[in-house]
Amino acid sequence: MLALGRTLQLFGVLVGASLRSQMQYRASFLIRSGVDFLAIVSDFAPIYFLVERFGALQGWSFAELALLYGMVATSWGVIEGALFGFENFAAYLIEGRVDRWLLRPRSVILQVSTFQFEVRKLGRILQGVTVLGVAAWFLGLDAAAVGWVAMGVLGGMLFFAGVVMLGAASQFWTLGHTSELQNMLTYGGSAALSYPVSVYSQWFRRIVTYAIPLAFVNYFPAIAALGRTAEAGWPAWLPWLSPFACLGVLGLGVGAFRLGLRRYESSGT
């Protein structure tokens, strides 16, 4: 517990240093945050126009779709800002930064996490939280339902953290050639999860449920929160697997990254 406390304390110090450096140019920070906020609003707009035109999407109202969107937008927004360093990991390998991190008496994972803490992503997080809060209020969710939503948001953070770490781990072998695959699972995955899994073809539903557990990020917690698990044709116990599935992806990401570090032999610079 003492070691964990010291690690968290150091994490706060390093994040604080990153924030202070970014806030040296406050006008730039405000402009980029505002642009991020407006750009993500444009992602949500098609959902509104879709429901406005057709009334509902396979029985999902606009508020229910907003709940799905808010959950995944919040989860991915937090991880995109907090672990942005892992998305640029190939560049760090080539530049020799990883060599310096390995020489320091602290975890490389901790150092990468705090190297590029993107505070401007607060605009994305704020937009996701706003949509989520309004949707939950409009749907009149009770305490149990809110618990399911919170579980989905936290599980989504674990899932996306695992994905970006898997992507960073692959750079030890590919040096950037798998970055698009990572983007498919993060940016593409968050876009796909803005809609209920049930609207997709059966082959795709099987992939995002059994192969890549994207459905456990927000879909299964959402149908549990809305009391629609049986209606959707899933067993009542399945949503309870969501945190374990997401935690498994995180464990896989951490394990793969550590494996990459063990086989790393320096950039040669």
Protein backbone atom coordinates (compact mmCIF):
# COMPACT_ATOMS: atom_id res chain seq x y z
CA MET A 1 0.00 0.00 0.00
CA LEU A 2 2.88 2.35 0.80
CA ALA A 3 4.47 1.72 -2.61
CA LEU A 4 1.13 2.31 -4.33
CA GLY A 5 0.70 5.57 -2.44
CA ARG A 6 4.15 6.77 -3.51
CA THR A 7 3.44 5.80 -7.12
CA LEU A 8 0.18 7.74 -7.12
CA GLN A 9 1.93 10.70 -5.52
CA LEU A 10 4.61 10.66 -8.21
CA PHE A 11 1.94 10.31 -10.89
CA GLY A 12 0.29 13.47 -9.57
CA VAL A 13 3.60 15.34 -9.55
CA LEU A 14 4.43 14.36 -13.13
CA VAL A 15 0.93 15.14 -14.39
CA GLY A 16 1.09 18.50 -12.63
CA ALA A 17 4.36 19.30 -14.39
CA SER A 18 2.81 18.36 -17.74
CA LEU A 19 -0.22 20.55 -17.06
CA ARG A 20 1.91 23.53 -16.06
CA SER A 21 3.93 23.26 -19.27
CA GLN A 22 0.78 23.15 -21.42
CA MET A 23 -0.80 26.06 -19.58
CA GLN A 24 2.12 28.33 -20.47
CA TYR A 25 0.17 29.01 -23.67
CA ARG A 26 -3.34 29.42 -22.32
CA ALA A 27 -4.88 30.91 -25.44
CA SER A 28 -3.70 27.93 -27.48
CA PHE A 29 -5.01 25.56 -24.83
CA LEU A 30 -8.46 27.19 -24.80
CA ILE A 31 -8.72 27.24 -28.59
CA ARG A 32 -7.68 23.60 -28.99
CA SER A 33 -10.02 22.52 -26.17
CA GLY A 34 -12.90 24.39 -27.80
CA VAL A 35 -12.14 22.83 -31.19
CA ASP A 36 -12.06 19.38 -29.59
CA PHE A 37 -15.41 20.04 -27.93
CA LEU A 38 -17.06 21.19 -31.17
CA ALA A 39 -15.53 18.33 -33.16
CA ILE A 40 -17.01 15.75 -30.80
CA VAL A 41 -20.37 17.50 -30.88
CA SER A 42 -20.34 16.85 -34.62
CA ASP A 43 -19.93 13.13 -33.86
CA PHE A 44 -23.10 13.16 -31.78
CA ALA A 45 -25.17 15.18 -34.23
CA PRO A 46 -25.79 12.29 -36.71
CA ILE A 47 -27.49 10.29 -33.94
CA TYR A 48 -29.94 13.14 -33.39
CA PHE A 49 -30.72 13.51 -37.11
CA LEU A 50 -31.11 9.75 -37.49
CA VAL A 51 -33.74 9.58 -34.75
CA GLU A 52 -35.34 12.82 -35.94
CA ARG A 53 -35.84 11.24 -39.35
CA PHE A 54 -36.88 7.70 -38.36
CA GLY A 55 -38.23 8.15 -34.81
CA ALA A 56 -36.17 5.36 -33.21
CA LEU A 57 -33.43 2.87 -34.03
CA GLN A 58 -34.66 -0.71 -33.52
CA GLY A 59 -36.70 0.47 -30.55
CA TRP A 60 -33.93 2.61 -29.07
CA SER A 61 -35.07 6.15 -28.33
CA PHE A 62 -32.82 9.20 -28.70
CA ALA A 63 -32.23 9.36 -24.93
CA GLU A 64 -31.19 5.68 -24.84
CA LEU A 65 -28.83 6.18 -27.76
CA ALA A 66 -27.43 9.24 -26.01
CA LEU A 67 -26.77 7.06 -22.95
CA LEU A 68 -24.74 4.63 -25.08
CA TYR A 69 -22.85 7.47 -26.70
CA GLY A 70 -22.15 9.28 -23.41
CA MET A 71 -20.76 6.14 -21.79
CA VAL A 72 -18.25 5.33 -24.51
CA ALA A 73 -17.37 8.99 -25.18
CA THR A 74 -16.51 9.52 -21.51
CA SER A 75 -14.46 6.32 -21.25
CA TRP A 76 -12.46 6.94 -24.41
CA GLY A 77 -12.05 10.66 -23.66
CA VAL A 78 -10.40 9.94 -20.30
CA ILE A 79 -8.02 7.36 -21.76
CA GLU A 80 -7.20 9.41 -24.85
CA GLY A 81 -6.11 12.28 -22.62
CA ALA A 82 -4.48 10.33 -19.80
CA LEU A 83 -2.61 7.73 -21.91
CA PHE A 84 -1.91 9.75 -25.04
CA GLY A 85 1.77 8.90 -24.72
CA PHE A 86 1.08 5.29 -25.67
CA GLU A 87 -0.44 6.39 -28.98
CA ASN A 88 2.89 7.99 -30.00
CA PHE A 89 5.05 5.21 -28.63
CA ALA A 90 6.67 4.31 -31.97
CA ALA A 91 8.17 7.81 -32.16
CA TYR A 92 9.58 7.46 -28.65
CA LEU A 93 11.27 4.20 -29.60
CA ILE A 94 12.91 5.75 -32.65
CA GLU A 95 13.97 8.91 -30.76
CA GLY A 96 15.58 6.88 -27.97
CA ARG A 97 13.32 8.19 -25.21
CA VAL A 98 12.57 4.65 -24.04
CA ASP A 99 16.28 4.14 -23.34
CA ARG A 100 16.24 7.10 -20.94
CA TRP A 101 13.04 5.90 -19.26
CA LEU A 102 14.57 2.47 -18.68
CA LEU A 103 17.51 4.07 -16.88
CA ARG A 104 15.25 5.75 -14.34
CA PRO A 105 14.19 3.92 -11.17
CA ARG A 106 10.47 4.14 -11.99
CA SER A 107 8.03 2.16 -14.08
CA VAL A 108 8.17 2.88 -17.81
CA ILE A 109 4.38 2.60 -17.89
CA LEU A 110 4.14 5.41 -15.33
CA GLN A 111 6.56 7.61 -17.28
CA VAL A 112 4.81 7.08 -20.62
CA SER A 113 1.42 7.76 -19.04
CA THR A 114 2.50 11.14 -17.72
CA PHE A 115 4.77 12.23 -20.58
CA GLN A 116 1.99 13.65 -22.77
CA PHE A 117 -0.99 14.13 -20.48
CA GLU A 118 -3.36 15.86 -22.90
CA VAL A 119 -5.29 18.29 -20.71
CA ARG A 120 -7.02 19.76 -23.79
CA LYS A 121 -8.97 16.50 -24.03
CA LEU A 122 -11.07 17.83 -21.16
CA GLY A 123 -13.33 19.21 -23.90
CA ARG A 124 -14.03 15.68 -25.13
CA ILE A 125 -14.61 14.40 -21.60
CA LEU A 126 -16.89 17.33 -20.74
CA GLN A 127 -19.01 16.69 -23.83
CA GLY A 128 -19.33 12.98 -23.04
CA VAL A 129 -20.20 13.57 -19.40
CA THR A 130 -22.77 16.23 -20.35
CA VAL A 131 -24.54 13.92 -22.82
CA LEU A 132 -24.41 11.06 -20.32
CA GLY A 133 -25.79 13.13 -17.46
CA VAL A 134 -28.65 14.61 -19.50
CA ALA A 135 -29.58 11.19 -20.89
CA ALA A 136 -29.59 9.59 -17.42
CA TRP A 137 -31.76 12.41 -16.06
CA PHE A 138 -34.19 12.25 -18.98
CA LEU A 139 -34.52 8.45 -18.64
CA GLY A 140 -35.08 8.75 -14.88
CA LEU A 141 -32.53 6.07 -14.01
CA ASP A 142 -32.64 4.77 -10.43
CA ALA A 143 -29.59 4.06 -8.25
CA ALA A 144 -29.15 0.51 -9.54
CA ALA A 145 -29.27 1.69 -13.15
CA VAL A 146 -26.76 4.46 -12.45
CA GLY A 147 -24.51 1.79 -10.92
CA TRP A 148 -24.62 -0.15 -14.20
CA VAL A 149 -23.78 3.00 -16.13
CA ALA A 150 -20.83 3.75 -13.84
CA MET A 151 -19.65 0.16 -14.24
CA GLY A 152 -19.77 0.58 -18.01
CA VAL A 153 -17.81 3.83 -17.95
CA LEU A 154 -15.11 2.41 -15.67
CA GLY A 155 -14.98 -0.81 -17.66
CA GLY A 156 -14.60 1.19 -20.84
CA MET A 157 -11.59 2.97 -19.35
CA LEU A 158 -9.99 -0.39 -18.56
CA PHE A 159 -10.75 -1.68 -22.04
CA PHE A 160 -9.38 1.31 -23.94
CA ALA A 161 -6.32 1.48 -21.66
CA GLY A 162 -5.61 -2.14 -22.53
CA VAL A 163 -6.04 -1.46 -26.26
CA VAL A 164 -3.64 1.52 -26.36
CA MET A 165 -1.08 -0.47 -24.36
CA LEU A 166 -1.44 -3.40 -26.78
CA GLY A 167 -0.91 -0.94 -29.61
CA ALA A 168 2.20 0.46 -27.93
CA ALA A 169 3.51 -3.05 -27.26
CA SER A 170 3.21 -3.94 -30.94
CA GLN A 171 5.56 -1.05 -31.79
CA PHE A 172 8.49 -2.99 -30.31
CA TRP A 173 8.16 -5.28 -33.33
CA THR A 174 6.60 -3.06 -36.01
CA LEU A 175 7.67 0.57 -35.27
CA GLY A 176 4.39 2.16 -36.25
CA HIS A 177 3.10 -0.19 -38.92
CA THR A 178 0.21 -1.37 -36.72
CA SER A 179 -0.98 2.07 -35.62
CA GLU A 180 -4.02 1.94 -37.91
CA LEU A 181 -5.14 -1.33 -36.33
CA GLN A 182 -5.05 0.37 -32.92
CA ASN A 183 -7.07 3.30 -34.31
CA MET A 184 -9.68 0.85 -35.60
CA LEU A 185 -10.21 -0.42 -32.05
CA THR A 186 -10.14 2.96 -30.31
CA TYR A 187 -11.56 5.66 -32.58
CA GLY A 188 -13.41 3.13 -34.73
CA GLY A 189 -14.58 1.13 -31.73
CA SER A 190 -15.90 4.18 -29.91
CA ALA A 191 -17.77 5.26 -33.05
CA ALA A 192 -19.31 1.79 -33.50
CA LEU A 193 -20.39 1.66 -29.85
CA SER A 194 -22.34 4.89 -30.24
CA TYR A 195 -25.10 2.61 -31.58
CA PRO A 196 -26.54 -0.57 -30.04
CA VAL A 197 -24.74 -3.74 -31.06
CA SER A 198 -28.07 -5.24 -32.11
CA VAL A 199 -28.24 -3.02 -35.23
CA TYR A 200 -25.19 -4.68 -36.79
CA SER A 201 -24.99 -7.90 -38.81
CA GLN A 202 -24.71 -11.17 -36.92
CA TRP A 203 -21.08 -11.76 -37.92
CA PHE A 204 -20.09 -8.35 -36.59
CA ARG A 205 -22.05 -8.88 -33.36
CA ARG A 206 -20.15 -12.10 -32.79
CA ILE A 207 -16.80 -10.39 -33.31
CA VAL A 208 -17.49 -7.52 -30.89
CA THR A 209 -18.89 -9.92 -28.29
CA TYR A 210 -16.69 -13.01 -28.38
CA ALA A 211 -13.48 -12.02 -30.23
CA ILE A 212 -12.97 -8.35 -29.34
CA PRO A 213 -15.22 -7.67 -26.32
CA LEU A 214 -16.31 -4.18 -27.39
CA ALA A 215 -19.94 -4.96 -26.50
CA PHE A 216 -18.93 -5.27 -22.83
CA VAL A 217 -17.80 -1.63 -22.77
CA ASN A 218 -21.23 -0.01 -22.89
CA TYR A 219 -23.86 -2.15 -24.62
CA PHE A 220 -24.32 -4.86 -21.99
CA PRO A 221 -24.16 -2.43 -19.01
CA ALA A 222 -26.63 -0.16 -20.83
CA ILE A 223 -29.23 -2.86 -21.50
CA ALA A 224 -28.91 -3.94 -17.86
CA ALA A 225 -29.45 -0.33 -16.73
CA LEU A 226 -32.48 -0.04 -18.99
CA GLY A 227 -33.88 -3.43 -17.96
CA ARG A 228 -33.71 -4.72 -21.53
CA THR A 229 -31.35 -7.69 -21.18
CA ALA A 230 -34.02 -10.38 -21.67
CA GLU A 231 -35.74 -8.33 -24.38
CA ALA A 232 -32.45 -8.15 -26.28
CA GLY A 233 -32.15 -11.95 -26.08
CA TRP A 234 -29.17 -12.16 -23.71
CA PRO A 235 -28.95 -14.10 -20.43
CA ALA A 236 -29.33 -12.00 -17.25
CA TRP A 237 -25.85 -12.87 -16.01
CA LEU A 238 -24.00 -11.67 -19.13
CA PRO A 239 -23.75 -7.95 -18.21
CA TRP A 240 -22.04 -8.97 -14.95
CA LEU A 241 -19.10 -10.20 -17.05
CA SER A 242 -18.43 -6.69 -18.38
CA PRO A 243 -15.85 -5.56 -15.79
CA PHE A 244 -14.03 -8.89 -16.02
CA ALA A 245 -13.88 -8.79 -19.82
CA CYS A 246 -12.56 -5.22 -19.77
CA LEU A 247 -10.08 -6.02 -17.02
CA GLY A 248 -8.87 -8.97 -19.10
CA VAL A 249 -8.10 -6.64 -22.02
CA LEU A 250 -6.15 -4.36 -19.67
CA GLY A 251 -4.20 -7.31 -18.28
CA LEU A 252 -3.39 -8.44 -21.82
CA GLY A 253 -2.17 -4.94 -22.70
CA VAL A 254 0.04 -4.62 -19.61
CA GLY A 255 1.47 -8.11 -20.14
CA ALA A 256 2.24 -7.47 -23.82
CA PHE A 257 3.91 -4.13 -23.02
CA ARG A 258 6.11 -5.70 -20.36
CA LEU A 259 7.04 -8.48 -22.79
CA GLY A 260 8.08 -5.86 -25.33
CA LEU A 261 10.23 -4.10 -22.75
CA ARG A 262 12.00 -7.38 -21.91
CA ARG A 263 12.93 -8.00 -25.54
CA TYR A 264 13.88 -4.36 -26.24
CA GLU A 265 17.59 -3.88 -26.98
CA SER A 266 17.88 -0.09 -27.29
CA SER A 267 17.35 2.23 -30.24
CA GLY A 268 21.08 2.43 -30.87
CA THR A 269 21.14 6.23 -30.61
